[in-house]
Amino acid sequence: MTILATSIPSVKRIPQQCRVAVAKTFTTIMRNCSVVGTKEQEIRAWKLQFLFPKCVLRIQPEIRGGKKKKLRRNESLRAGLLERLKRWNDGEVDVLWAEACKLYASGARQVATSLRASNIRRATECAQDARYGKAVASLLSLGTCPVTEETLKEMKSKHPEALPPTLPVSGLLPDAVRFDTDLVRKKVDGFPAGSAAGASGTRPQFLKDILACPNKAAGADALMSLTNLANHMSPFIAGAPLMALVKAGGGLRPIAIGETIRRLVSKCCCEATTEEAKVIFGPLQVGVATQGGAEASVHAVRKLAQEFGDDPGKIMLKVDFSNAFNMVDRTVMLAQVYEKLPGLYRWVEYCYSNPAHLFFGSCVLRSAAGVQQGDPLGPLLFSLVLHPLALKIEAEFPDLDLCVWYLDDGTIIGSVEDVHKVFELIQAEGPALGA
């Protein structure tokens, strides 16, 4: 846990001249992580995977100045990375780790900046990556909150303690969904440019770079090892750094930045179960496996508002559960996954059967309930828990003009009497689901 809790920033991209060497070394690391061995061997393999970005791919100390100093900085990055890579391969892992910890022990790169300056810097980075929507959003961002006693208290309240979930099965587990190299490459390429790293510092761009290294054989070998790792996996990657985003209406929104390999596996799981999810949720839940679901809901509401806007016998109920993702009952969630999407069960049990560590500054919080915001599987898992309630509303009130959900946001339109009864039903049965 010390490795993941230690913040050491990694480079945003691997220099072109370094990619083949880095790809070969990291392929060996991934291969060792997917080999079945003793518990000590597995822990050692994952420890090396988490250490590699922070020991080898860490950011160089800045050399400020003009164009000439920028060229020197780039050359220093390449030379420093290759030098650290050679030392890693020579077995100097512990020495490299000690050097990285010493360099960043006092937060050497943390510079106090105003919110405006921070937003401009972030917007510039997004624009350079052609993420123009994110660039605009960055300019309007209210920023993140520093770690204080007050913010820590609010983050703890949003991640309540809970008993470990009751597993729905003992003995033989269902077969896990399997991924091929084409799906893994597709999902690696699907990470947006500039995607953040998890606690280990492994950025999604890092995987893109090694799969696209100039040596095609090395890239293909890396892809095969990554695919094997995605199909093998381990529970060591369920933790995540935690950010507290300021909400426009007040309060904080917790965002967990999961490990890149975890996000990759979850993205593959989503893709592999898209058709099954469409059958499960149908038109009731449009936040999962439904392209343009939000837009369709808005158009439906507008049409009904025009049709019934002057009818005093009709009413609309908007539902938005408070802190919903962090509150859902994991026992119910695991039971729903086991029943409806058994191919995902082993992976979901890995990630959610035990509390995970959330690193908020120097503090460690426990994620013991709900799904982590930032997990690509989170919307699907949350919707599985909520869906029985949505089905019950549809069955008991067939005369509703509209009953549609976008994750935890529900829109109910119908007679005043029916909608009032729906409200009472949600109040009565929602808390049992953790919603």
Protein backbone atom coordinates (compact mmCIF):
# COMPACT_ATOMS: atom_id res chain seq x y z
CA MET A 1 0.00 0.00 0.00
CA THR A 2 2.97 2.33 0.59
CA ILE A 3 3.80 2.26 -3.13
CA LEU A 4 0.27 3.26 -4.18
CA ALA A 5 -0.05 5.90 -1.45
CA THR A 6 3.18 7.63 -2.52
CA SER A 7 2.49 10.29 -5.15
CA ILE A 8 5.21 10.34 -7.83
CA PRO A 9 4.08 11.80 -11.18
CA SER A 10 4.86 9.92 -14.39
CA VAL A 11 5.60 11.22 -17.88
CA LYS A 12 2.64 11.89 -20.13
CA ARG A 13 4.17 10.08 -23.12
CA ILE A 14 7.06 7.71 -23.64
CA PRO A 15 9.62 9.27 -26.02
CA GLN A 16 9.67 7.53 -29.41
CA GLN A 17 13.33 6.48 -29.05
CA CYS A 18 12.56 4.72 -25.74
CA ARG A 19 9.42 2.81 -26.64
CA VAL A 20 10.94 -0.46 -27.83
CA ALA A 21 13.13 -0.85 -24.75
CA VAL A 22 10.29 0.12 -22.41
CA ALA A 23 7.85 -2.21 -24.22
CA LYS A 24 10.18 -5.20 -23.82
CA THR A 25 10.75 -4.61 -20.11
CA PHE A 26 7.10 -3.95 -19.31
CA THR A 27 6.03 -7.00 -21.35
CA THR A 28 8.16 -9.14 -19.04
CA ILE A 29 6.52 -7.51 -16.01
CA MET A 30 3.01 -8.13 -17.36
CA ARG A 31 3.87 -11.72 -18.25
CA ASN A 32 5.02 -12.38 -14.70
CA CYS A 33 1.79 -10.89 -13.31
CA SER A 34 -0.34 -13.31 -15.33
CA VAL A 35 1.64 -16.44 -14.37
CA VAL A 36 0.03 -18.57 -11.68
CA GLY A 37 2.49 -19.02 -8.82
CA THR A 38 2.73 -18.78 -5.07
CA LYS A 39 1.11 -15.86 -3.25
CA GLU A 40 4.55 -14.35 -2.59
CA GLN A 41 5.45 -14.56 -6.29
CA GLU A 42 2.19 -12.87 -7.30
CA ILE A 43 2.66 -10.08 -4.77
CA ARG A 44 6.24 -9.53 -5.98
CA ALA A 45 5.09 -9.41 -9.62
CA TRP A 46 2.38 -6.83 -8.90
CA LYS A 47 4.75 -4.84 -6.72
CA LEU A 48 7.12 -4.52 -9.68
CA GLN A 49 4.28 -3.48 -11.98
CA PHE A 50 3.25 -0.72 -9.56
CA LEU A 51 6.87 0.37 -9.02
CA PHE A 52 7.84 0.60 -12.69
CA PRO A 53 6.08 3.88 -13.60
CA LYS A 54 7.27 5.60 -10.42
CA CYS A 55 10.86 4.34 -10.63
CA VAL A 56 11.47 4.46 -14.39
CA LEU A 57 8.79 6.65 -15.99
CA ARG A 58 8.77 9.42 -13.39
CA ILE A 59 8.85 13.03 -14.51
CA GLN A 60 12.25 14.71 -14.67
CA PRO A 61 12.95 17.77 -12.51
CA GLU A 62 12.08 20.80 -14.62
CA ILE A 63 14.65 22.79 -16.58
CA ARG A 64 13.06 26.17 -17.14
CA GLY A 65 13.94 28.49 -19.98
CA GLY A 66 13.66 29.03 -23.74
CA LYS A 67 13.88 26.80 -26.81
CA LYS A 68 17.44 25.60 -26.16
CA LYS A 69 16.62 24.60 -22.59
CA LYS A 70 13.48 22.84 -23.88
CA LEU A 71 15.65 20.75 -26.21
CA ARG A 72 17.97 19.99 -23.27
CA ARG A 73 14.95 19.03 -21.17
CA ASN A 74 13.68 16.61 -23.84
CA GLU A 75 17.15 15.10 -24.22
CA SER A 76 17.41 14.84 -20.45
CA LEU A 77 14.06 13.02 -20.38
CA ARG A 78 15.18 10.45 -22.96
CA ALA A 79 18.62 9.93 -21.45
CA GLY A 80 17.30 9.79 -17.89
CA LEU A 81 14.56 7.33 -18.77
CA LEU A 82 16.94 4.98 -20.60
CA GLU A 83 19.47 5.22 -17.76
CA ARG A 84 16.83 4.32 -15.17
CA LEU A 85 15.54 1.51 -17.39
CA LYS A 86 19.03 -0.01 -17.61
CA ARG A 87 19.39 0.17 -13.83
CA TRP A 88 15.96 -1.45 -13.40
CA ASN A 89 16.98 -4.33 -15.68
CA ASP A 90 20.23 -4.64 -13.70
CA GLY A 91 18.21 -5.22 -10.52
CA GLU A 92 18.50 -1.78 -8.88
CA VAL A 93 14.76 -1.55 -8.19
CA ASP A 94 15.08 -0.71 -4.49
CA VAL A 95 17.68 2.00 -5.16
CA LEU A 96 15.51 3.59 -7.87
CA TRP A 97 12.52 3.57 -5.52
CA ALA A 98 14.51 5.22 -2.75
CA GLU A 99 15.72 7.93 -5.17
CA ALA A 100 12.17 8.63 -6.41
CA CYS A 101 10.81 8.86 -2.86
CA LYS A 102 13.59 11.24 -1.85
CA LEU A 103 13.02 13.45 -4.88
CA TYR A 104 9.29 13.83 -4.22
CA ALA A 105 9.24 13.42 -0.45
CA SER A 106 8.55 17.09 0.20
CA GLY A 107 6.19 17.58 -2.72
CA ALA A 108 8.99 19.05 -4.80
CA ARG A 109 6.75 19.66 -7.81
CA GLN A 110 3.74 21.03 -6.01
CA VAL A 111 3.41 24.72 -6.77
CA ALA A 112 0.61 26.83 -5.35
CA THR A 113 -1.39 28.42 -8.18
CA SER A 114 -4.65 30.27 -8.40
CA LEU A 115 -7.76 28.46 -9.61
CA ARG A 116 -7.75 30.58 -12.77
CA ALA A 117 -4.12 29.75 -13.57
CA SER A 118 -4.74 26.07 -12.86
CA ASN A 119 -7.78 26.04 -15.14
CA ILE A 120 -5.86 27.74 -17.94
CA ARG A 121 -2.99 25.25 -17.64
CA ARG A 122 -5.41 22.30 -17.68
CA ALA A 123 -7.36 23.76 -20.62
CA THR A 124 -4.14 24.25 -22.58
CA GLU A 125 -3.10 20.64 -21.98
CA CYS A 126 -6.52 19.38 -23.13
CA ALA A 127 -6.45 21.57 -26.24
CA GLN A 128 -2.99 20.22 -27.13
CA ASP A 129 -4.49 16.71 -26.96
CA ALA A 130 -7.41 17.81 -29.21
CA ARG A 131 -9.85 17.39 -26.28
CA TYR A 132 -11.65 20.66 -26.95
CA GLY A 133 -14.78 19.87 -24.93
CA LYS A 134 -12.61 19.09 -21.90
CA ALA A 135 -10.64 22.28 -22.50
CA VAL A 136 -13.81 24.38 -22.29
CA ALA A 137 -14.98 22.47 -19.22
CA SER A 138 -11.60 23.05 -17.57
CA LEU A 139 -11.95 26.81 -17.97
CA LEU A 140 -15.30 26.66 -16.17
CA SER A 141 -14.18 24.22 -13.48
CA LEU A 142 -14.60 25.12 -9.83
CA GLY A 143 -11.48 23.08 -9.10
CA THR A 144 -10.69 20.49 -6.48
CA CYS A 145 -10.66 20.93 -2.73
CA PRO A 146 -7.47 20.60 -0.70
CA VAL A 147 -7.27 17.88 1.93
CA THR A 148 -8.50 19.48 5.15
CA GLU A 149 -10.33 18.14 8.18
CA GLU A 150 -13.58 19.46 6.71
CA THR A 151 -13.14 17.92 3.25
CA LEU A 152 -11.89 14.67 4.77
CA LYS A 153 -15.02 14.50 6.92
CA GLU A 154 -17.25 15.00 3.86
CA MET A 155 -15.36 12.37 1.83
CA LYS A 156 -15.76 9.89 4.70
CA SER A 157 -19.49 10.59 4.83
CA LYS A 158 -19.74 9.84 1.12
CA HIS A 159 -17.95 6.50 1.58
CA PRO A 160 -19.85 4.90 4.49
CA GLU A 161 -18.61 1.85 6.32
CA ALA A 162 -20.41 -1.41 5.56
CA LEU A 163 -20.07 -5.08 6.32
CA PRO A 164 -18.51 -7.23 3.57
CA PRO A 165 -21.20 -8.31 1.09
CA THR A 166 -22.74 -11.75 1.27
CA LEU A 167 -21.63 -13.67 -1.81
CA PRO A 168 -24.45 -15.28 -3.81
CA VAL A 169 -22.54 -18.47 -4.54
CA SER A 170 -20.06 -20.83 -2.93
CA GLY A 171 -17.98 -23.49 -4.60
CA LEU A 172 -17.91 -23.54 -8.40
CA LEU A 173 -17.95 -20.06 -9.95
CA PRO A 174 -19.38 -19.24 -13.39
CA ASP A 175 -16.93 -19.03 -16.29
CA ALA A 176 -15.44 -15.58 -16.67
CA VAL A 177 -15.89 -13.55 -19.84
CA ARG A 178 -12.80 -13.77 -22.06
CA PHE A 179 -11.20 -11.06 -24.20
CA ASP A 180 -9.23 -11.37 -27.42
CA THR A 181 -6.37 -9.15 -28.57
CA ASP A 182 -8.59 -7.16 -30.95
CA LEU A 183 -10.93 -6.14 -28.14
CA VAL A 184 -8.07 -5.23 -25.80
CA ARG A 185 -6.38 -3.09 -28.46
CA LYS A 186 -9.70 -1.41 -29.28
CA LYS A 187 -10.26 -0.49 -25.64
CA VAL A 188 -6.67 0.71 -25.16
CA ASP A 189 -7.04 2.95 -28.20
CA GLY A 190 -10.41 4.10 -26.84
CA PHE A 191 -8.92 5.80 -23.79
CA PRO A 192 -9.22 9.58 -24.31
CA ALA A 193 -5.96 11.44 -24.83
CA GLY A 194 -4.61 12.74 -21.55
CA SER A 195 -6.50 10.22 -19.37
CA ALA A 196 -5.28 10.33 -15.79
CA ALA A 197 -3.15 7.67 -14.15
CA GLY A 198 -4.24 5.58 -11.19
CA ALA A 199 -2.34 5.22 -7.94
CA SER A 200 0.60 3.42 -9.60
CA GLY A 201 1.18 6.25 -12.09
CA THR A 202 0.50 3.99 -15.10
CA ARG A 203 -1.17 6.22 -17.67
CA PRO A 204 -3.41 4.83 -20.44
CA GLN A 205 -1.14 6.67 -22.91
CA PHE A 206 1.68 4.44 -21.67
CA LEU A 207 -0.17 1.35 -22.94
CA LYS A 208 -0.90 3.11 -26.24
CA ASP A 209 2.78 3.95 -26.66
CA ILE A 210 4.14 0.46 -26.02
CA LEU A 211 1.56 -1.18 -28.30
CA ALA A 212 2.50 1.26 -31.06
CA CYS A 213 6.28 1.04 -30.61
CA PRO A 214 8.40 1.04 -33.81
CA ASN A 215 9.34 -2.63 -33.38
CA LYS A 216 6.13 -4.40 -34.48
CA ALA A 217 7.19 -7.71 -32.94
CA ALA A 218 7.73 -6.05 -29.57
CA GLY A 219 4.36 -4.29 -29.86
CA ALA A 220 2.58 -7.55 -30.73
CA ASP A 221 4.29 -9.31 -27.82
CA ALA A 222 3.19 -6.51 -25.48
CA LEU A 223 -0.40 -6.77 -26.75
CA MET A 224 -0.49 -10.53 -26.17
CA SER A 225 0.91 -10.13 -22.65
CA LEU A 226 -1.57 -7.34 -21.89
CA THR A 227 -4.44 -9.52 -23.15
CA ASN A 228 -3.30 -12.43 -20.99
CA LEU A 229 -3.04 -10.09 -18.01
CA ALA A 230 -6.54 -8.71 -18.64
CA ASN A 231 -7.91 -12.26 -18.68
CA HIS A 232 -5.96 -13.19 -15.51
CA MET A 233 -6.01 -10.10 -13.31
CA SER A 234 -5.70 -9.82 -9.56
CA PRO A 235 -7.46 -8.08 -6.66
CA PHE A 236 -4.44 -5.86 -5.94
CA ILE A 237 -5.73 -3.13 -8.27
CA ALA A 238 -9.08 -2.22 -6.67
CA GLY A 239 -7.80 0.89 -4.83
CA ALA A 240 -7.61 4.37 -6.29
CA PRO A 241 -6.56 7.98 -5.65
CA LEU A 242 -9.56 10.09 -4.61
CA MET A 243 -10.33 13.62 -5.78
CA ALA A 244 -12.92 15.96 -4.28
CA LEU A 245 -14.47 18.05 -7.06
CA VAL A 246 -16.42 21.17 -6.12
CA LYS A 247 -20.07 20.95 -7.26
CA ALA A 248 -21.74 24.03 -8.71
CA GLY A 249 -24.68 23.67 -6.32
CA GLY A 250 -22.42 23.27 -3.31
CA GLY A 251 -20.80 20.24 -1.72
CA LEU A 252 -18.17 17.89 -3.10
CA ARG A 253 -18.23 15.11 -5.69
CA PRO A 254 -15.83 12.21 -5.00
CA ILE A 255 -14.04 10.84 -8.06
CA ALA A 256 -11.85 7.74 -7.77
CA ILE A 257 -9.17 7.38 -10.48
CA GLY A 258 -8.82 3.62 -10.82
CA GLU A 259 -5.74 1.78 -11.99
CA THR A 260 -5.35 1.86 -15.78
CA ILE A 261 -5.32 -1.94 -16.03
CA ARG A 262 -8.51 -2.11 -13.94
CA ARG A 263 -10.21 0.46 -16.15
CA LEU A 264 -9.08 -1.46 -19.23
CA VAL A 265 -10.57 -4.74 -17.96
CA SER A 266 -13.82 -3.00 -16.99
CA LYS A 267 -14.05 -1.33 -20.41
CA CYS A 268 -13.58 -4.73 -22.06
CA CYS A 269 -16.28 -6.19 -19.80
CA CYS A 270 -18.70 -3.45 -20.84
CA GLU A 271 -18.02 -4.08 -24.52
CA ALA A 272 -18.32 -7.87 -24.15
CA THR A 273 -21.76 -7.62 -22.49
CA THR A 274 -23.32 -4.77 -24.51
CA GLU A 275 -25.94 -6.93 -26.24
CA GLU A 276 -26.90 -8.69 -23.00
CA ALA A 277 -27.25 -5.32 -21.27
CA LYS A 278 -29.60 -4.06 -23.99
CA VAL A 279 -31.87 -7.04 -23.37
CA ILE A 280 -31.76 -6.63 -19.58
CA PHE A 281 -32.51 -2.91 -19.44
CA GLY A 282 -34.65 -2.38 -22.54
CA PRO A 283 -36.21 1.09 -22.79
CA LEU A 284 -36.44 1.61 -19.02
CA GLN A 285 -32.75 2.31 -18.34
CA VAL A 286 -31.13 4.38 -21.10
CA GLY A 287 -27.89 5.19 -19.24
CA VAL A 288 -26.30 1.85 -20.17
CA ALA A 289 -25.74 0.29 -23.61
CA THR A 290 -28.05 2.87 -25.24
CA GLN A 291 -26.48 5.32 -27.64
CA GLY A 292 -28.11 8.73 -27.38
CA GLY A 293 -30.23 7.64 -24.41
CA ALA A 294 -30.11 11.01 -22.66
CA GLU A 295 -31.18 12.87 -25.81
CA ALA A 296 -34.08 10.45 -26.41
CA SER A 297 -35.30 11.00 -22.83
CA VAL A 298 -35.19 14.77 -23.21
CA HIS A 299 -37.17 14.62 -26.47
CA ALA A 300 -39.79 12.33 -24.88
CA VAL A 301 -40.24 14.69 -21.92
CA ARG A 302 -40.56 17.72 -24.19
CA LYS A 303 -43.18 16.00 -26.32
CA LEU A 304 -45.26 14.99 -23.29
CA ALA A 305 -44.87 18.46 -21.77
CA GLN A 306 -46.33 19.98 -24.93
CA GLU A 307 -49.16 17.43 -24.96
CA PHE A 308 -50.11 17.54 -21.26
CA GLY A 309 -48.68 20.90 -20.18
CA ASP A 310 -52.13 22.39 -19.45
CA ASP A 311 -53.66 19.22 -17.97
CA PRO A 312 -54.00 19.61 -14.16
CA GLY A 313 -54.46 15.84 -13.85
CA LYS A 314 -50.91 15.12 -15.06
CA ILE A 315 -47.68 15.57 -13.14
CA MET A 316 -43.96 14.87 -13.60
CA LEU A 317 -41.66 13.46 -10.90
CA LYS A 318 -37.88 13.90 -11.20
CA VAL A 319 -35.85 11.43 -9.13
CA ASP A 320 -32.17 11.91 -8.26
CA PHE A 321 -30.79 9.71 -5.50
CA SER A 322 -28.28 11.36 -3.17
CA ASN A 323 -24.71 9.94 -3.34
CA ALA A 324 -26.27 6.96 -5.11
CA PHE A 325 -23.18 5.31 -6.60
CA ASN A 326 -21.41 5.19 -3.25
CA MET A 327 -24.41 3.81 -1.37
CA VAL A 328 -25.77 0.82 -3.32
CA ASP A 329 -25.78 -2.49 -1.48
CA ARG A 330 -22.93 -4.69 -2.69
CA THR A 331 -24.71 -7.87 -1.63
CA VAL A 332 -27.60 -6.98 -3.94
CA MET A 333 -25.15 -5.91 -6.66
CA LEU A 334 -23.19 -9.17 -6.61
CA ALA A 335 -26.42 -11.19 -6.61
CA GLN A 336 -27.68 -9.27 -9.66
CA VAL A 337 -24.40 -9.77 -11.52
CA TYR A 338 -24.36 -13.49 -10.72
CA GLU A 339 -27.95 -13.90 -11.94
CA LYS A 340 -27.98 -11.69 -15.02
CA LEU A 341 -24.35 -11.32 -16.19
CA PRO A 342 -22.50 -14.34 -14.76
CA GLY A 343 -19.53 -13.83 -17.07
CA LEU A 344 -18.67 -10.67 -15.12
CA TYR A 345 -19.11 -12.19 -11.68
CA ARG A 346 -15.49 -13.19 -10.97
CA TRP A 347 -14.19 -9.77 -11.94
CA VAL A 348 -16.84 -7.86 -9.96
CA GLU A 349 -16.22 -10.07 -6.93
CA TYR A 350 -12.48 -9.32 -7.24
CA CYS A 351 -13.13 -5.59 -7.18
CA TYR A 352 -16.02 -5.32 -4.72
CA SER A 353 -16.12 -8.27 -2.30
CA ASN A 354 -13.66 -6.52 0.05
CA PRO A 355 -13.15 -2.83 0.94
CA ALA A 356 -10.68 -1.01 -1.30
CA HIS A 357 -8.26 1.74 -0.29
CA LEU A 358 -8.95 5.28 -1.50
CA PHE A 359 -5.94 7.61 -1.21
CA PHE A 360 -7.10 11.14 -0.35
CA GLY A 361 -3.92 13.13 0.10
CA SER A 362 -1.99 11.42 2.89
CA CYS A 363 -5.19 9.88 4.27
CA VAL A 364 -6.53 6.44 3.41
CA LEU A 365 -10.30 5.93 3.23
CA ARG A 366 -12.15 2.64 2.81
CA SER A 367 -14.49 2.03 -0.11
CA ALA A 368 -16.81 -0.53 1.53
CA ALA A 369 -20.18 0.25 -0.07
CA GLY A 370 -21.46 1.12 -3.52
CA VAL A 371 -19.49 1.30 -6.75
CA GLN A 372 -16.53 3.58 -7.32
CA GLN A 373 -17.24 6.67 -9.37
CA GLY A 374 -14.69 6.40 -12.16
CA ASP A 375 -15.04 2.63 -12.62
CA PRO A 376 -16.17 2.09 -16.27
CA LEU A 377 -18.37 -0.76 -14.99
CA GLY A 378 -19.92 1.50 -12.34
CA PRO A 379 -22.96 2.63 -14.38
CA LEU A 380 -23.78 -0.96 -15.37
CA LEU A 381 -23.42 -2.28 -11.81
CA PHE A 382 -25.45 0.55 -10.31
CA SER A 383 -28.19 0.08 -12.90
CA LEU A 384 -28.41 -3.64 -12.15
CA VAL A 385 -29.22 -2.80 -8.53
CA LEU A 386 -31.79 -0.14 -9.43
CA HIS A 387 -33.48 -2.04 -12.27
CA PRO A 388 -35.76 -4.32 -10.17
CA LEU A 389 -37.29 -1.18 -8.70
CA ALA A 390 -37.80 0.31 -12.17
CA LEU A 391 -39.42 -2.95 -13.34
CA LYS A 392 -41.74 -2.95 -10.31
CA ILE A 393 -42.85 0.62 -11.04
CA GLU A 394 -43.57 -0.31 -14.66
CA ALA A 395 -45.54 -3.44 -13.64
CA GLU A 396 -47.62 -1.84 -10.87
CA PHE A 397 -48.39 1.38 -12.76
CA PRO A 398 -48.97 0.39 -16.41
CA ASP A 399 -50.87 3.61 -17.18
CA LEU A 400 -47.85 5.89 -16.68
CA ASP A 401 -47.14 8.04 -19.71
CA LEU A 402 -43.37 7.83 -19.14
CA CYS A 403 -41.06 5.89 -16.85
CA VAL A 404 -37.43 6.23 -17.90
CA TRP A 405 -34.12 6.25 -16.04
CA TYR A 406 -30.70 7.62 -16.90
CA LEU A 407 -28.65 5.86 -14.22
CA ASP A 408 -29.96 7.34 -10.93
CA ASP A 409 -31.95 10.13 -12.62
CA GLY A 410 -35.54 9.00 -13.10
CA THR A 411 -38.37 10.77 -14.92
CA ILE A 412 -41.93 9.68 -14.17
CA ILE A 413 -44.95 11.24 -15.92
CA GLY A 414 -48.55 10.25 -15.36
CA SER A 415 -51.67 10.98 -13.37
CA VAL A 416 -51.26 12.76 -10.06
CA GLU A 417 -52.50 9.70 -8.17
CA ASP A 418 -50.17 7.24 -9.92
CA VAL A 419 -47.09 9.44 -9.66
CA HIS A 420 -47.73 10.06 -5.96
CA LYS A 421 -47.89 6.29 -5.37
CA VAL A 422 -44.64 5.84 -7.35
CA PHE A 423 -43.01 8.41 -5.08
CA GLU A 424 -44.14 6.48 -2.01
CA LEU A 425 -42.86 3.22 -3.52
CA ILE A 426 -39.43 4.74 -4.19
CA GLN A 427 -39.28 6.11 -0.65
CA ALA A 428 -40.19 2.70 0.78
CA GLU A 429 -37.97 0.42 -1.32
CA GLY A 430 -35.10 2.63 -2.45
CA PRO A 431 -33.17 2.55 0.89
CA ALA A 432 -33.12 -1.28 0.90
CA LEU A 433 -31.08 -1.11 -2.29
CA GLY A 434 -28.76 1.46 -0.77
CA ALA A 435 -30.20 4.14 -3.07
